[in-house]
């Protein structure tokens, strides 16, 4: 099980779950030159149906968002093995 990083104030880094299994905690990454979040747009995949946020070894939950279908259902952020946030803008 992974552990999210944290700063000197113990604020955790942003994490999601790996898109291939829905449970492996994976940190989101940014481009070090532009400080822009790396994304992979238009990727399809399975929602593994877990509405509860996975937790790392320190008990820190992964990031979750509200589903666009109803605005309330919690959905974990899915991340690929390169740390890119998976989105589908169309």
N, C-alpha and C. Protein backbone atom coordinates (compact mmCIF):
# COMPACT_ATOMS: atom_id res chain seq x y z
N UNK A 1 0.84 -1.17 0.00
CA UNK A 1 0.00 0.00 0.00
C UNK A 1 0.89 1.24 0.00
N UNK A 2 0.51 2.24 -0.75
CA UNK A 2 1.29 3.46 -0.87
C UNK A 2 0.96 4.43 0.26
N UNK A 3 1.84 5.39 0.42
CA UNK A 3 1.64 6.46 1.38
C UNK A 3 1.77 7.78 0.64
N UNK A 4 0.79 8.67 0.80
CA UNK A 4 0.87 9.96 0.14
C UNK A 4 1.95 10.80 0.80
N UNK A 5 2.55 11.67 0.04
CA UNK A 5 3.54 12.59 0.59
C UNK A 5 2.85 13.71 1.34
N UNK A 6 3.63 14.47 2.08
CA UNK A 6 3.06 15.63 2.79
C UNK A 6 4.11 16.71 2.94
N UNK A 7 3.64 17.93 3.18
CA UNK A 7 4.56 19.04 3.38
C UNK A 7 4.88 19.18 4.87
N UNK A 8 5.58 20.24 5.23
CA UNK A 8 5.98 20.45 6.62
C UNK A 8 4.79 20.72 7.55
N UNK A 9 3.64 21.08 6.98
CA UNK A 9 2.43 21.30 7.77
C UNK A 9 1.54 20.06 7.81
N UNK A 10 2.08 18.94 7.32
CA UNK A 10 1.36 17.66 7.29
C UNK A 10 0.13 17.68 6.37
N UNK A 11 0.16 18.55 5.34
CA UNK A 11 -0.88 18.56 4.33
C UNK A 11 -0.51 17.53 3.28
N UNK A 12 -1.40 16.59 3.03
CA UNK A 12 -1.10 15.49 2.12
C UNK A 12 -1.13 15.92 0.67
N UNK A 13 -0.33 15.24 -0.13
CA UNK A 13 -0.36 15.45 -1.57
C UNK A 13 -1.64 14.85 -2.13
N UNK A 14 -2.00 15.26 -3.32
CA UNK A 14 -3.21 14.79 -3.96
C UNK A 14 -2.96 13.40 -4.56
N UNK A 15 -3.85 12.46 -4.23
CA UNK A 15 -3.72 11.10 -4.74
C UNK A 15 -5.05 10.63 -5.31
N UNK A 16 -4.96 9.65 -6.18
CA UNK A 16 -6.14 8.99 -6.72
C UNK A 16 -5.89 7.50 -6.70
N UNK A 17 -6.73 6.76 -7.40
CA UNK A 17 -6.53 5.32 -7.49
C UNK A 17 -6.15 4.96 -8.92
N UNK A 18 -5.37 3.92 -9.05
CA UNK A 18 -4.88 3.47 -10.35
C UNK A 18 -6.05 2.99 -11.20
N UNK A 19 -6.07 3.42 -12.45
CA UNK A 19 -7.19 3.11 -13.34
C UNK A 19 -7.29 1.63 -13.70
N UNK A 20 -6.27 0.85 -13.45
CA UNK A 20 -6.32 -0.57 -13.82
C UNK A 20 -6.93 -1.47 -12.76
N UNK A 21 -6.97 -0.99 -11.50
CA UNK A 21 -7.55 -1.84 -10.45
C UNK A 21 -8.49 -1.09 -9.50
N UNK A 22 -8.45 0.23 -9.50
CA UNK A 22 -9.35 1.01 -8.66
C UNK A 22 -9.01 1.03 -7.19
N UNK A 23 -7.87 0.45 -6.78
CA UNK A 23 -7.51 0.45 -5.36
C UNK A 23 -6.07 0.89 -5.07
N UNK A 24 -5.18 0.76 -6.05
CA UNK A 24 -3.79 1.13 -5.81
C UNK A 24 -3.67 2.65 -5.76
N UNK A 25 -3.24 3.16 -4.61
CA UNK A 25 -3.12 4.60 -4.42
C UNK A 25 -1.94 5.12 -5.23
N UNK A 26 -2.21 6.16 -6.04
CA UNK A 26 -1.23 6.69 -6.97
C UNK A 26 -1.22 8.21 -6.87
N UNK A 27 -0.03 8.82 -6.71
CA UNK A 27 0.01 10.28 -6.63
C UNK A 27 -0.20 10.93 -7.99
N UNK A 28 -0.90 12.06 -8.00
CA UNK A 28 -1.01 12.86 -9.20
C UNK A 28 0.30 13.60 -9.38
N UNK A 29 0.70 13.84 -10.60
CA UNK A 29 1.98 14.50 -10.86
C UNK A 29 1.77 15.75 -11.68
N UNK A 30 2.73 16.67 -11.54
CA UNK A 30 2.72 17.90 -12.31
C UNK A 30 3.98 17.97 -13.14
N UNK A 31 3.92 18.80 -14.17
CA UNK A 31 5.11 19.06 -14.97
C UNK A 31 6.04 19.95 -14.14
N UNK A 32 7.28 19.53 -13.92
CA UNK A 32 8.17 20.32 -13.07
C UNK A 32 8.57 21.68 -13.67
N UNK A 33 8.45 21.82 -14.98
CA UNK A 33 8.83 23.10 -15.59
C UNK A 33 7.69 24.11 -15.61
N UNK A 34 6.45 23.64 -15.70
CA UNK A 34 5.32 24.56 -15.79
C UNK A 34 4.41 24.51 -14.56
N UNK A 35 4.61 23.53 -13.68
CA UNK A 35 3.74 23.33 -12.52
C UNK A 35 2.28 23.12 -12.90
N UNK A 36 2.06 22.47 -14.05
CA UNK A 36 0.73 22.16 -14.54
C UNK A 36 0.44 20.69 -14.30
N UNK A 37 -0.76 20.40 -13.84
CA UNK A 37 -1.18 19.02 -13.59
C UNK A 37 -1.17 18.23 -14.89
N UNK A 38 -0.55 17.05 -14.87
CA UNK A 38 -0.54 16.17 -16.02
C UNK A 38 -1.89 15.46 -16.11
N UNK A 39 -2.52 15.53 -17.29
CA UNK A 39 -3.81 14.87 -17.49
C UNK A 39 -3.75 14.01 -18.74
N UNK A 40 -4.66 13.08 -18.82
CA UNK A 40 -4.85 12.26 -20.00
C UNK A 40 -6.33 12.38 -20.33
N UNK A 41 -6.66 13.14 -21.37
CA UNK A 41 -8.04 13.47 -21.71
C UNK A 41 -8.63 12.45 -22.68
N UNK A 42 -9.87 12.09 -22.46
CA UNK A 42 -10.59 11.23 -23.37
C UNK A 42 -10.36 9.75 -23.15
N UNK A 43 -9.73 9.43 -22.05
CA UNK A 43 -9.46 8.02 -21.77
C UNK A 43 -10.72 7.37 -21.23
N UNK A 44 -11.06 6.25 -21.80
CA UNK A 44 -12.20 5.52 -21.26
C UNK A 44 -11.69 4.46 -20.30
N UNK A 45 -12.56 3.98 -19.51
CA UNK A 45 -12.16 2.96 -18.55
C UNK A 45 -13.32 2.56 -17.68
N UNK A 46 -13.07 1.69 -16.77
CA UNK A 46 -14.11 1.21 -15.90
C UNK A 46 -14.14 1.99 -14.60
N UNK A 47 -15.34 2.26 -14.12
CA UNK A 47 -15.50 2.76 -12.77
C UNK A 47 -15.62 1.51 -11.92
N UNK A 48 -14.70 1.34 -11.01
CA UNK A 48 -14.69 0.12 -10.21
C UNK A 48 -15.78 0.11 -9.14
N UNK A 49 -16.60 1.17 -9.12
CA UNK A 49 -17.78 1.17 -8.27
C UNK A 49 -17.54 1.42 -6.80
N UNK A 50 -16.31 1.73 -6.42
CA UNK A 50 -16.05 1.99 -5.00
C UNK A 50 -16.40 3.45 -4.71
N UNK A 51 -17.38 3.66 -3.87
CA UNK A 51 -17.79 5.02 -3.52
C UNK A 51 -17.08 5.52 -2.27
N UNK A 52 -16.34 4.64 -1.60
CA UNK A 52 -15.57 5.06 -0.44
C UNK A 52 -14.12 5.29 -0.87
N UNK A 53 -13.53 6.34 -0.36
CA UNK A 53 -12.15 6.66 -0.72
C UNK A 53 -11.18 5.65 -0.11
N UNK A 54 -10.29 5.14 -0.93
CA UNK A 54 -9.22 4.28 -0.42
C UNK A 54 -8.36 5.11 0.53
N UNK A 55 -7.70 4.47 1.47
CA UNK A 55 -6.83 5.17 2.41
C UNK A 55 -5.43 4.58 2.35
N UNK A 56 -4.44 5.47 2.51
CA UNK A 56 -3.05 5.00 2.49
C UNK A 56 -2.66 4.44 3.84
N UNK A 57 -1.39 4.09 3.99
CA UNK A 57 -0.91 3.48 5.24
C UNK A 57 -1.06 4.39 6.44
N UNK A 58 -1.14 5.70 6.20
CA UNK A 58 -1.31 6.65 7.30
C UNK A 58 -2.77 7.02 7.53
N UNK A 59 -3.68 6.38 6.80
CA UNK A 59 -5.10 6.67 6.96
C UNK A 59 -5.58 7.85 6.15
N UNK A 60 -4.72 8.42 5.30
CA UNK A 60 -5.11 9.57 4.48
C UNK A 60 -5.93 9.08 3.28
N UNK A 61 -7.09 9.67 3.03
CA UNK A 61 -7.92 9.23 1.91
C UNK A 61 -7.43 9.79 0.58
N UNK A 62 -7.73 9.06 -0.51
CA UNK A 62 -7.48 9.60 -1.85
C UNK A 62 -8.51 10.69 -2.11
N UNK A 63 -8.25 11.49 -3.11
CA UNK A 63 -9.19 12.56 -3.47
C UNK A 63 -10.41 11.97 -4.14
N UNK A 64 -11.57 12.51 -3.80
CA UNK A 64 -12.81 12.11 -4.45
C UNK A 64 -13.51 13.36 -4.96
N UNK A 65 -14.38 13.17 -5.92
CA UNK A 65 -15.16 14.26 -6.49
C UNK A 65 -16.61 13.81 -6.62
N UNK A 66 -17.50 14.75 -6.88
CA UNK A 66 -18.91 14.42 -7.09
C UNK A 66 -19.14 14.03 -8.54
N UNK A 67 -19.93 12.99 -8.76
CA UNK A 67 -20.24 12.53 -10.11
C UNK A 67 -20.98 13.60 -10.89
N UNK A 68 -20.64 13.72 -12.18
CA UNK A 68 -21.34 14.69 -13.02
C UNK A 68 -22.76 14.24 -13.35
N UNK A 69 -23.07 12.96 -13.14
CA UNK A 69 -24.41 12.46 -13.47
C UNK A 69 -25.46 12.94 -12.48
N UNK A 70 -25.10 13.04 -11.19
CA UNK A 70 -26.10 13.48 -10.21
C UNK A 70 -25.59 14.56 -9.27
N UNK A 71 -24.31 14.86 -9.33
CA UNK A 71 -23.74 15.92 -8.50
C UNK A 71 -23.52 15.55 -7.05
N UNK A 72 -23.81 14.31 -6.66
CA UNK A 72 -23.63 13.93 -5.26
C UNK A 72 -22.88 12.63 -5.05
N UNK A 73 -22.97 11.70 -5.98
CA UNK A 73 -22.31 10.41 -5.81
C UNK A 73 -20.80 10.59 -5.78
N UNK A 74 -20.12 10.13 -4.72
CA UNK A 74 -18.67 10.28 -4.66
C UNK A 74 -17.97 9.32 -5.63
N UNK A 75 -16.97 9.85 -6.32
CA UNK A 75 -16.19 9.07 -7.27
C UNK A 75 -14.72 9.37 -7.01
N UNK A 76 -13.89 8.33 -6.85
CA UNK A 76 -12.47 8.60 -6.65
C UNK A 76 -11.83 9.12 -7.94
N UNK A 77 -10.77 9.90 -7.80
CA UNK A 77 -10.02 10.32 -8.98
C UNK A 77 -9.24 9.12 -9.49
N UNK A 78 -9.29 8.90 -10.78
CA UNK A 78 -8.53 7.82 -11.41
C UNK A 78 -7.27 8.39 -12.04
N UNK A 79 -6.17 7.67 -11.84
CA UNK A 79 -4.85 8.11 -12.26
C UNK A 79 -4.20 6.96 -13.01
N UNK A 80 -3.44 7.29 -14.08
CA UNK A 80 -2.71 6.20 -14.75
C UNK A 80 -1.36 5.99 -14.09
N UNK A 81 -0.63 4.99 -14.54
CA UNK A 81 0.63 4.63 -13.89
C UNK A 81 1.70 5.70 -14.01
N UNK A 82 1.49 6.69 -14.89
CA UNK A 82 2.44 7.80 -15.02
C UNK A 82 2.08 8.97 -14.11
N UNK A 83 0.99 8.86 -13.37
CA UNK A 83 0.56 9.93 -12.48
C UNK A 83 -0.32 10.96 -13.14
N UNK A 84 -0.81 10.66 -14.37
CA UNK A 84 -1.70 11.58 -15.07
C UNK A 84 -3.14 11.38 -14.59
N UNK A 85 -3.79 12.49 -14.28
CA UNK A 85 -5.21 12.46 -13.92
C UNK A 85 -6.00 12.11 -15.17
N UNK A 86 -6.92 11.16 -15.07
CA UNK A 86 -7.74 10.77 -16.23
C UNK A 86 -9.02 11.56 -16.22
N UNK A 87 -9.28 12.24 -17.34
CA UNK A 87 -10.51 13.01 -17.49
C UNK A 87 -11.13 12.68 -18.83
N UNK A 88 -12.37 13.03 -18.98
CA UNK A 88 -13.04 12.90 -20.27
C UNK A 88 -13.85 14.17 -20.47
N UNK A 89 -13.32 15.09 -21.28
CA UNK A 89 -13.95 16.39 -21.43
C UNK A 89 -15.05 16.40 -22.47
N UNK A 90 -15.21 15.33 -23.22
CA UNK A 90 -16.27 15.30 -24.23
C UNK A 90 -17.28 14.23 -23.91
